[in-house]
Amino acid sequence: MTDDSQPPSYGPPPGQGPYQGQPPQYDQGQPPQYGPPPPPPYGQPQYGQPQYGQPQYGQQPYQTGPYGQPYQPGPFGQPQRFGPQVDPKLIRPRMRWIAVVWGLALLCVLAGVGLFVGGVFNTVTAAAPSKTFAAGESVTVPLDPADKPAVYLSSTGQVHYTCRIDGGPGQAKLAKVSGTETVSEGATKWQLILVVNAPAKGDYQLTCATQEPSNARFGVGRDLVASAGGLVGGVAALVVIPGLGVLAAIITTIMVVTRRSSHRKRLASGG
């Protein structure tokens, strides 16, 4: 008895090579993708991804203002006016008052300077000798203790002198002065040499001489200290009068400016 059964076959089916089946099908041209998907091409909208980088200029649509009107820039640099305009001619008090008070202040300054110069001149004039005589002469002069009488000498060179005083209601005395005080009267320069201490007002006889021959002259005037009253008054006038004038001008200016501002506001509000 024969066994007609076939043994099991191994390998490919008959008529085919070692492996003639179809390989696994993949997306041809695209390798397998791993990780996050690549970004879409430029120009396509992206969704779900935040946008980074520089803002795009020149591609924004033209913006319009409210209610569909084109956007118009504001009038920058143009002055803005608030409230109604007020005619300056209607504002009181007028600005001319400021000019008036400053003109008066200038006059006060000039007056102060004039009084000061006058005080200096009067001081020199009062101190300068009113009675003069040559060396070796005797003169009778009225003296008043209240005037602080003094003896002056004018000489082109240095001289040695002597003086005496007689007469009067009482015995008067001569006293030398310390320091050098001079008074100029025109081209003549007088030097204070003695003060007269008279006991009372009256007429006194004064005699002065020099030891050497000279063209020296003597004179009777007033002490510079006694004549300084006019100078003090001149200084006071120089400081006080211009100061009051300028102060009054400043106060008036402030008042005019303040009142004009208040009046302008009242006119603007219809008052």
C-alpha atoms as a PDB file:
ATOM      1  CA  MET A   1       0.000   0.000   0.000  1.00  0.00           C
ATOM      2  CA  THR A   2       1.358   3.231  -1.109  1.00  0.00           C
ATOM      3  CA  ASP A   3       1.076   6.615   0.761  1.00  0.00           C
ATOM      4  CA  ASP A   4      -0.153   9.307  -1.761  1.00  0.00           C
ATOM      5  CA  SER A   5      -0.171  12.180   0.747  1.00  0.00           C
ATOM      6  CA  GLN A   6       2.155  15.161   0.047  1.00  0.00           C
ATOM      7  CA  PRO A   7       4.581  16.399   2.600  1.00  0.00           C
ATOM      8  CA  PRO A   8       4.007  19.970   3.910  1.00  0.00           C
ATOM      9  CA  SER A   9       5.476  22.751   1.692  1.00  0.00           C
ATOM     10  CA  TYR A  10       7.640  25.479   2.965  1.00  0.00           C
ATOM     11  CA  GLY A  11       8.672  28.670   1.177  1.00  0.00           C
ATOM     12  CA  PRO A  12       6.856  30.745  -1.429  1.00  0.00           C
ATOM     13  CA  PRO A  13       3.980  29.437  -3.474  1.00  0.00           C
ATOM     14  CA  PRO A  14       4.874  27.810  -6.698  1.00  0.00           C
ATOM     15  CA  GLY A  15       5.742  30.128  -9.554  1.00  0.00           C
ATOM     16  CA  GLN A  16       6.968  33.030  -7.350  1.00  0.00           C
ATOM     17  CA  GLY A  17      10.356  34.015  -6.291  1.00  0.00           C
ATOM     18  CA  PRO A  18      11.625  33.994  -2.851  1.00  0.00           C
ATOM     19  CA  TYR A  19       9.323  36.950  -1.975  1.00  0.00           C
ATOM     20  CA  GLN A  20       6.994  38.451  -4.563  1.00  0.00           C
ATOM     21  CA  GLY A  21       4.403  40.031  -2.271  1.00  0.00           C
ATOM     22  CA  GLN A  22       3.773  43.843  -2.094  1.00  0.00           C
ATOM     23  CA  PRO A  23       5.839  45.792   0.448  1.00  0.00           C
ATOM     24  CA  PRO A  24       4.072  47.911   3.052  1.00  0.00           C
ATOM     25  CA  GLN A  25       2.605  51.071   1.564  1.00  0.00           C
ATOM     26  CA  TYR A  26       3.919  54.389   2.960  1.00  0.00           C
ATOM     27  CA  ASP A  27       3.283  58.015   1.994  1.00  0.00           C
ATOM     28  CA  GLN A  28       5.777  58.238  -0.803  1.00  0.00           C
ATOM     29  CA  GLY A  29       8.006  61.336  -0.759  1.00  0.00           C
ATOM     30  CA  GLN A  30       7.297  62.135   2.870  1.00  0.00           C
ATOM     31  CA  PRO A  31       9.333  60.491   5.554  1.00  0.00           C
ATOM     32  CA  PRO A  32       7.695  59.772   8.877  1.00  0.00           C
ATOM     33  CA  GLN A  33       7.123  62.952  10.972  1.00  0.00           C
ATOM     34  CA  TYR A  34       8.211  63.088  14.573  1.00  0.00           C
ATOM     35  CA  GLY A  35       7.704  65.986  17.082  1.00  0.00           C
ATOM     36  CA  PRO A  36       5.409  69.021  16.562  1.00  0.00           C
ATOM     37  CA  PRO A  37       4.097  69.671  13.069  1.00  0.00           C
ATOM     38  CA  PRO A  38       6.038  72.227  10.950  1.00  0.00           C
ATOM     39  CA  PRO A  39       4.632  75.763  10.566  1.00  0.00           C
ATOM     40  CA  PRO A  40       2.397  76.394   7.587  1.00  0.00           C
ATOM     41  CA  PRO A  41       3.795  78.185   4.549  1.00  0.00           C
ATOM     42  CA  TYR A  42       4.145  82.020   4.597  1.00  0.00           C
ATOM     43  CA  GLY A  43       0.943  83.903   3.857  1.00  0.00           C
ATOM     44  CA  GLN A  44      -1.421  81.287   5.237  1.00  0.00           C
ATOM     45  CA  PRO A  45      -3.307  82.123   8.445  1.00  0.00           C
ATOM     46  CA  GLN A  46      -2.134  80.395  11.537  1.00  0.00           C
ATOM     47  CA  TYR A  47      -4.500  79.332  14.251  1.00  0.00           C
ATOM     48  CA  GLY A  48      -3.741  78.377  17.774  1.00  0.00           C
ATOM     49  CA  GLN A  49      -0.126  79.609  17.632  1.00  0.00           C
ATOM     50  CA  PRO A  50       0.965  82.982  19.210  1.00  0.00           C
ATOM     51  CA  GLN A  51       2.606  85.460  16.883  1.00  0.00           C
ATOM     52  CA  TYR A  52       6.081  86.732  17.752  1.00  0.00           C
ATOM     53  CA  GLY A  53       8.553  89.044  16.129  1.00  0.00           C
ATOM     54  CA  GLN A  54       8.353  92.581  14.809  1.00  0.00           C
ATOM     55  CA  PRO A  55       4.999  94.174  13.981  1.00  0.00           C
ATOM     56  CA  GLN A  56       4.248  94.473  10.322  1.00  0.00           C
ATOM     57  CA  TYR A  57       4.113  98.091   9.126  1.00  0.00           C
ATOM     58  CA  GLY A  58       2.671  99.234   5.860  1.00  0.00           C
ATOM     59  CA  GLN A  59       0.161  96.390   5.767  1.00  0.00           C
ATOM     60  CA  GLN A  60      -2.349  97.782   8.288  1.00  0.00           C
ATOM     61  CA  PRO A  61      -5.662  98.954   6.931  1.00  0.00           C
ATOM     62  CA  TYR A  62      -6.384 102.702   7.055  1.00  0.00           C
ATOM     63  CA  GLN A  63      -8.009 103.577  10.339  1.00  0.00           C
ATOM     64  CA  THR A  64     -11.099 105.684  10.379  1.00  0.00           C
ATOM     65  CA  GLY A  65     -12.482 107.852  13.105  1.00  0.00           C
ATOM     66  CA  PRO A  66     -15.827 107.460  14.828  1.00  0.00           C
ATOM     67  CA  TYR A  67     -18.931 107.139  12.696  1.00  0.00           C
ATOM     68  CA  GLY A  68     -16.929 106.126   9.630  1.00  0.00           C
ATOM     69  CA  GLN A  69     -15.187 109.499   9.203  1.00  0.00           C
ATOM     70  CA  PRO A  70     -11.498 109.540   8.180  1.00  0.00           C
ATOM     71  CA  TYR A  71      -9.121 110.175  11.009  1.00  0.00           C
ATOM     72  CA  GLN A  72      -8.019 113.787  11.208  1.00  0.00           C
ATOM     73  CA  PRO A  73      -5.085 114.884  13.390  1.00  0.00           C
ATOM     74  CA  GLY A  74      -5.772 117.576  15.973  1.00  0.00           C
ATOM     75  CA  PRO A  75      -4.695 121.195  15.450  1.00  0.00           C
ATOM     76  CA  PHE A  76      -1.475 120.957  17.419  1.00  0.00           C
ATOM     77  CA  GLY A  77       0.376 124.211  18.045  1.00  0.00           C
ATOM     78  CA  GLN A  78      -2.682 126.405  17.639  1.00  0.00           C
ATOM     79  CA  PRO A  79      -3.542 128.605  20.655  1.00  0.00           C
ATOM     80  CA  GLN A  80      -6.682 127.713  22.473  1.00  0.00           C
ATOM     81  CA  ARG A  81      -8.873 130.503  23.671  1.00  0.00           C
ATOM     82  CA  PHE A  82     -11.011 130.216  26.700  1.00  0.00           C
ATOM     83  CA  GLY A  83     -13.915 132.466  27.406  1.00  0.00           C
ATOM     84  CA  PRO A  84     -14.884 135.680  25.648  1.00  0.00           C
ATOM     85  CA  GLN A  85     -12.223 138.202  24.682  1.00  0.00           C
ATOM     86  CA  VAL A  86     -12.147 141.505  26.618  1.00  0.00           C
ATOM     87  CA  ASP A  87     -11.208 144.798  25.002  1.00  0.00           C
ATOM     88  CA  PRO A  88      -8.075 146.069  26.842  1.00  0.00           C
ATOM     89  CA  LYS A  89      -9.384 149.640  26.570  1.00  0.00           C
ATOM     90  CA  LEU A  90     -12.257 148.764  28.908  1.00  0.00           C
ATOM     91  CA  ILE A  91     -10.036 147.477  31.721  1.00  0.00           C
ATOM     92  CA  ARG A  92      -9.521 149.816  34.681  1.00  0.00           C
ATOM     93  CA  PRO A  93      -7.357 151.271  36.108  1.00  0.00           C
ATOM     94  CA  ARG A  94      -5.368 152.242  33.050  1.00  0.00           C
ATOM     95  CA  MET A  95      -1.735 151.303  32.566  1.00  0.00           C
ATOM     96  CA  ARG A  96      -0.772 154.967  32.334  1.00  0.00           C
ATOM     97  CA  TRP A  97      -0.843 155.162  36.129  1.00  0.00           C
ATOM     98  CA  ILE A  98       2.207 152.911  36.271  1.00  0.00           C
ATOM     99  CA  ALA A  99       4.096 155.272  33.971  1.00  0.00           C
ATOM    100  CA  VAL A 100       3.005 158.248  36.096  1.00  0.00           C
ATOM    101  CA  VAL A 101       4.186 156.827  39.410  1.00  0.00           C
ATOM    102  CA  TRP A 102       7.526 155.707  37.987  1.00  0.00           C
ATOM    103  CA  GLY A 103       7.987 159.174  36.509  1.00  0.00           C
ATOM    104  CA  LEU A 104       7.410 160.628  39.974  1.00  0.00           C
ATOM    105  CA  ALA A 105       9.892 158.124  41.401  1.00  0.00           C
ATOM    106  CA  LEU A 106      12.493 159.355  38.925  1.00  0.00           C
ATOM    107  CA  LEU A 107      11.812 162.934  40.011  1.00  0.00           C
ATOM    108  CA  CYS A 108      12.303 161.883  43.636  1.00  0.00           C
ATOM    109  CA  VAL A 109      15.667 160.368  42.761  1.00  0.00           C
ATOM    110  CA  LEU A 110      16.752 163.556  41.012  1.00  0.00           C
ATOM    111  CA  ALA A 111      15.514 165.653  43.933  1.00  0.00           C
ATOM    112  CA  GLY A 112      17.445 163.530  46.414  1.00  0.00           C
ATOM    113  CA  VAL A 113      20.647 163.859  44.398  1.00  0.00           C
ATOM    114  CA  GLY A 114      20.127 167.595  44.088  1.00  0.00           C
ATOM    115  CA  LEU A 115      19.585 168.030  47.815  1.00  0.00           C
ATOM    116  CA  PHE A 116      22.670 165.949  48.570  1.00  0.00           C
ATOM    117  CA  VAL A 117      24.838 168.076  46.292  1.00  0.00           C
ATOM    118  CA  GLY A 118      23.305 171.208  47.794  1.00  0.00           C
ATOM    119  CA  GLY A 119      24.060 169.937  51.308  1.00  0.00           C
ATOM    120  CA  VAL A 120      27.693 169.323  50.441  1.00  0.00           C
ATOM    121  CA  PHE A 121      27.988 172.774  48.890  1.00  0.00           C
ATOM    122  CA  ASN A 122      26.349 174.452  51.877  1.00  0.00           C
ATOM    123  CA  THR A 123      28.662 172.608  54.256  1.00  0.00           C
ATOM    124  CA  VAL A 124      31.742 173.852  52.443  1.00  0.00           C
ATOM    125  CA  THR A 125      30.361 177.347  52.109  1.00  0.00           C
ATOM    126  CA  ALA A 126      29.417 177.560  55.792  1.00  0.00           C
ATOM    127  CA  ALA A 127      32.818 176.307  56.945  1.00  0.00           C
ATOM    128  CA  ALA A 128      34.857 178.527  54.630  1.00  0.00           C
ATOM    129  CA  PRO A 129      36.133 181.785  56.176  1.00  0.00           C
ATOM    130  CA  SER A 130      33.733 184.697  55.822  1.00  0.00           C
ATOM    131  CA  LYS A 131      36.306 187.251  57.066  1.00  0.00           C
ATOM    132  CA  THR A 132      39.920 187.144  55.836  1.00  0.00           C
ATOM    133  CA  PHE A 133      43.003 189.303  56.563  1.00  0.00           C
ATOM    134  CA  ALA A 134      46.724 189.271  55.839  1.00  0.00           C
ATOM    135  CA  ALA A 135      49.461 188.253  58.258  1.00  0.00           C
ATOM    136  CA  GLY A 136      50.194 190.970  60.804  1.00  0.00           C
ATOM    137  CA  GLU A 137      46.743 192.557  60.572  1.00  0.00           C
ATOM    138  CA  SER A 138      44.066 192.801  63.277  1.00  0.00           C
ATOM    139  CA  VAL A 139      40.361 192.443  62.557  1.00  0.00           C
ATOM    140  CA  THR A 140      37.201 192.717  64.589  1.00  0.00           C
ATOM    141  CA  VAL A 141      34.838 189.821  63.980  1.00  0.00           C
ATOM    142  CA  PRO A 142      31.437 188.957  65.463  1.00  0.00           C
ATOM    143  CA  LEU A 143      31.579 185.528  67.102  1.00  0.00           C
ATOM    144  CA  ASP A 144      28.820 183.262  68.409  1.00  0.00           C
ATOM    145  CA  PRO A 145      29.731 180.207  70.494  1.00  0.00           C
ATOM    146  CA  ALA A 146      26.839 178.302  68.890  1.00  0.00           C
ATOM    147  CA  ASP A 147      28.527 178.606  65.463  1.00  0.00           C
ATOM    148  CA  LYS A 148      31.751 176.952  66.676  1.00  0.00           C
ATOM    149  CA  PRO A 149      34.049 179.679  65.233  1.00  0.00           C
ATOM    150  CA  ALA A 150      37.490 178.671  63.940  1.00  0.00           C
ATOM    151  CA  VAL A 151      40.624 180.235  62.435  1.00  0.00           C
ATOM    152  CA  TYR A 152      41.931 179.120  58.993  1.00  0.00           C
ATOM    153  CA  LEU A 153      45.271 179.618  57.254  1.00  0.00           C
ATOM    154  CA  SER A 154      46.014 179.758  53.522  1.00  0.00           C
ATOM    155  CA  SER A 155      49.658 179.682  52.433  1.00  0.00           C
ATOM    156  CA  THR A 156      51.720 178.443  49.519  1.00  0.00           C
ATOM    157  CA  GLY A 157      54.355 177.052  51.880  1.00  0.00           C
ATOM    158  CA  GLN A 158      54.852 176.025  55.492  1.00  0.00           C
ATOM    159  CA  VAL A 159      54.930 178.948  57.950  1.00  0.00           C
ATOM    160  CA  HIS A 160      55.132 179.458  61.692  1.00  0.00           C
ATOM    161  CA  TYR A 161      52.251 181.601  62.954  1.00  0.00           C
ATOM    162  CA  THR A 162      51.020 183.207  66.147  1.00  0.00           C
ATOM    163  CA  CYS A 163      47.489 184.430  66.970  1.00  0.00           C
ATOM    164  CA  ARG A 164      45.758 186.156  69.878  1.00  0.00           C
ATOM    165  CA  ILE A 165      42.171 187.201  70.583  1.00  0.00           C
ATOM    166  CA  ASP A 166      40.989 190.160  72.664  1.00  0.00           C
ATOM    167  CA  GLY A 167      37.833 192.098  73.451  1.00  0.00           C
ATOM    168  CA  GLY A 168      34.340 190.764  73.649  1.00  0.00           C
ATOM    169  CA  PRO A 169      32.095 190.374  76.687  1.00  0.00           C
ATOM    170  CA  GLY A 170      34.540 187.880  78.169  1.00  0.00           C
ATOM    171  CA  GLN A 171      37.975 186.396  77.693  1.00  0.00           C
ATOM    172  CA  ALA A 172      38.021 184.071  74.696  1.00  0.00           C
ATOM    173  CA  LYS A 173      40.634 181.379  74.156  1.00  0.00           C
ATOM    174  CA  LEU A 174      42.275 179.818  71.108  1.00  0.00           C
ATOM    175  CA  ALA A 175      42.934 176.068  70.948  1.00  0.00           C
ATOM    176  CA  LYS A 176      44.882 174.034  68.383  1.00  0.00           C
ATOM    177  CA  VAL A 177      43.187 171.217  66.537  1.00  0.00           C
ATOM    178  CA  SER A 178      44.463 167.688  66.021  1.00  0.00           C
ATOM    179  CA  GLY A 179      44.681 166.359  62.511  1.00  0.00           C
ATOM    180  CA  THR A 180      44.361 168.214  59.245  1.00  0.00           C
ATOM    181  CA  GLU A 181      41.093 169.599  57.947  1.00  0.00           C
ATOM    182  CA  THR A 182      40.951 171.622  54.761  1.00  0.00           C
ATOM    183  CA  VAL A 183      38.271 173.528  52.888  1.00  0.00           C
ATOM    184  CA  SER A 184      38.527 174.559  49.254  1.00  0.00           C
ATOM    185  CA  GLU A 185      36.879 177.769  48.108  1.00  0.00           C
ATOM    186  CA  GLY A 186      37.503 178.320  44.461  1.00  0.00           C
ATOM    187  CA  ALA A 187      41.264 178.252  43.870  1.00  0.00           C
ATOM    188  CA  THR A 188      42.035 178.934  47.555  1.00  0.00           C
ATOM    189  CA  LYS A 189      42.700 176.086  49.959  1.00  0.00           C
ATOM    190  CA  TRP A 190      42.100 176.838  53.636  1.00  0.00           C
ATOM    191  CA  GLN A 191      43.524 174.755  56.476  1.00  0.00           C
ATOM    192  CA  LEU A 192      41.888 174.708  59.892  1.00  0.00           C
ATOM    193  CA  ILE A 193      44.487 175.669  62.548  1.00  0.00           C
ATOM    194  CA  LEU A 194      42.594 176.958  65.638  1.00  0.00           C
ATOM    195  CA  VAL A 195      39.155 176.843  67.257  1.00  0.00           C
ATOM    196  CA  VAL A 196      37.793 179.793  69.207  1.00  0.00           C
ATOM    197  CA  ASN A 197      36.244 179.177  72.628  1.00  0.00           C
ATOM    198  CA  ALA A 198      34.213 182.357  73.081  1.00  0.00           C
ATOM    199  CA  PRO A 199      32.321 182.714  76.382  1.00  0.00           C
ATOM    200  CA  ALA A 200      29.457 184.659  74.824  1.00  0.00           C
ATOM    201  CA  LYS A 201      28.261 186.193  71.636  1.00  0.00           C
ATOM    202  CA  GLY A 202      29.952 189.486  70.798  1.00  0.00           C
ATOM    203  CA  ASP A 203      32.625 191.327  68.777  1.00  0.00           C
ATOM    204  CA  TYR A 204      36.189 190.136  69.271  1.00  0.00           C
ATOM    205  CA  GLN A 205      39.525 191.419  67.963  1.00  0.00           C
ATOM    206  CA  LEU A 206      41.755 188.803  66.332  1.00  0.00           C
ATOM    207  CA  THR A 207      45.415 189.306  65.388  1.00  0.00           C
ATOM    208  CA  CYS A 208      47.626 186.779  63.555  1.00  0.00           C
ATOM    209  CA  ALA A 209      51.210 187.010  62.218  1.00  0.00           C
ATOM    210  CA  THR A 210      53.943 184.763  60.750  1.00  0.00           C
ATOM    211  CA  GLN A 211      57.605 184.542  61.743  1.00  0.00           C
ATOM    212  CA  GLU A 212      58.852 184.549  58.135  1.00  0.00           C
ATOM    213  CA  PRO A 213      57.790 186.813  55.297  1.00  0.00           C
ATOM    214  CA  SER A 214      55.055 185.166  53.235  1.00  0.00           C
ATOM    215  CA  ASN A 215      51.820 185.805  51.413  1.00  0.00           C
ATOM    216  CA  ALA A 216      49.888 183.856  54.037  1.00  0.00           C
ATOM    217  CA  ARG A 217      46.348 184.930  54.817  1.00  0.00           C
ATOM    218  CA  PHE A 218      44.118 184.137  57.765  1.00  0.00           C
ATOM    219  CA  GLY A 219      40.373 183.807  57.971  1.00  0.00           C
ATOM    220  CA  VAL A 220      37.568 183.268  60.469  1.00  0.00           C
ATOM    221  CA  GLY A 221      34.977 180.627  59.668  1.00  0.00           C
ATOM    222  CA  ARG A 222      33.219 177.691  61.285  1.00  0.00           C
ATOM    223  CA  ASP A 223      34.384 174.307  62.431  1.00  0.00           C
ATOM    224  CA  LEU A 224      33.724 171.527  59.920  1.00  0.00           C
ATOM    225  CA  VAL A 225      31.962 169.462  62.585  1.00  0.00           C
ATOM    226  CA  ALA A 226      29.551 172.313  63.260  1.00  0.00           C
ATOM    227  CA  SER A 227      28.935 172.727  59.537  1.00  0.00           C
ATOM    228  CA  ALA A 228      28.279 169.043  58.952  1.00  0.00           C
ATOM    229  CA  GLY A 229      24.551 169.464  59.593  1.00  0.00           C
ATOM    230  CA  GLY A 230      23.971 170.410  55.975  1.00  0.00           C
ATOM    231  CA  LEU A 231      25.931 167.359  54.815  1.00  0.00           C
ATOM    232  CA  VAL A 232      23.932 165.052  57.081  1.00  0.00           C
ATOM    233  CA  GLY A 233      20.712 166.523  55.746  1.00  0.00           C
ATOM    234  CA  GLY A 234      21.939 166.004  52.196  1.00  0.00           C
ATOM    235  CA  VAL A 235      22.736 162.349  52.860  1.00  0.00           C
ATOM    236  CA  ALA A 236      19.336 161.836  54.448  1.00  0.00           C
ATOM    237  CA  ALA A 237      17.672 163.468  51.463  1.00  0.00           C
ATOM    238  CA  LEU A 238      19.660 161.266  49.087  1.00  0.00           C
ATOM    239  CA  VAL A 239      18.461 158.097  50.831  1.00  0.00           C
ATOM    240  CA  VAL A 240      14.956 158.921  52.079  1.00  0.00           C
ATOM    241  CA  ILE A 241      13.376 160.848  49.209  1.00  0.00           C
ATOM    242  CA  PRO A 242      14.353 158.477  46.364  1.00  0.00           C
ATOM    243  CA  GLY A 243      13.574 155.468  48.566  1.00  0.00           C
ATOM    244  CA  LEU A 244      10.048 156.697  49.284  1.00  0.00           C
ATOM    245  CA  GLY A 245       9.472 157.467  45.613  1.00  0.00           C
ATOM    246  CA  VAL A 246      10.580 154.024  44.433  1.00  0.00           C
ATOM    247  CA  LEU A 247       8.607 152.282  47.200  1.00  0.00           C
ATOM    248  CA  ALA A 248       5.448 154.188  46.269  1.00  0.00           C
ATOM    249  CA  ALA A 249       5.962 153.266  42.606  1.00  0.00           C
ATOM    250  CA  ILE A 250       6.328 149.565  43.434  1.00  0.00           C
ATOM    251  CA  ILE A 251       3.194 149.518  45.610  1.00  0.00           C
ATOM    252  CA  THR A 252       1.182 151.388  42.997  1.00  0.00           C
ATOM    253  CA  THR A 253       2.321 149.024  40.239  1.00  0.00           C
ATOM    254  CA  ILE A 254       1.230 145.978  42.233  1.00  0.00           C
ATOM    255  CA  MET A 255      -2.162 147.539  42.983  1.00  0.00           C
ATOM    256  CA  VAL A 256      -2.779 148.502  39.353  1.00  0.00           C
ATOM    257  CA  VAL A 257      -1.858 145.043  38.052  1.00  0.00           C
ATOM    258  CA  THR A 258      -4.030 143.311  40.679  1.00  0.00           C
ATOM    259  CA  ARG A 259      -7.062 145.497  40.077  1.00  0.00           C
ATOM    260  CA  ARG A 260      -6.749 145.186  36.304  1.00  0.00           C
ATOM    261  CA  SER A 261      -6.742 141.413  36.615  1.00  0.00           C
ATOM    262  CA  SER A 262      -9.890 141.472  38.782  1.00  0.00           C
ATOM    263  CA  HIS A 263     -11.628 143.888  36.439  1.00  0.00           C
ATOM    264  CA  ARG A 264     -10.751 141.749  33.410  1.00  0.00           C
ATOM    265  CA  LYS A 265     -12.318 138.711  35.061  1.00  0.00           C
ATOM    266  CA  ARG A 266     -15.489 140.633  35.869  1.00  0.00           C
ATOM    267  CA  LEU A 267     -15.782 141.867  32.290  1.00  0.00           C
ATOM    268  CA  ALA A 268     -15.205 138.358  30.943  1.00  0.00           C
ATOM    269  CA  SER A 269     -17.994 136.982  33.149  1.00  0.00           C
ATOM    270  CA  GLY A 270     -20.362 139.743  32.072  1.00  0.00           C
ATOM    271  CA  GLY A 271     -20.139 141.698  35.326  1.00  0.00           C
END
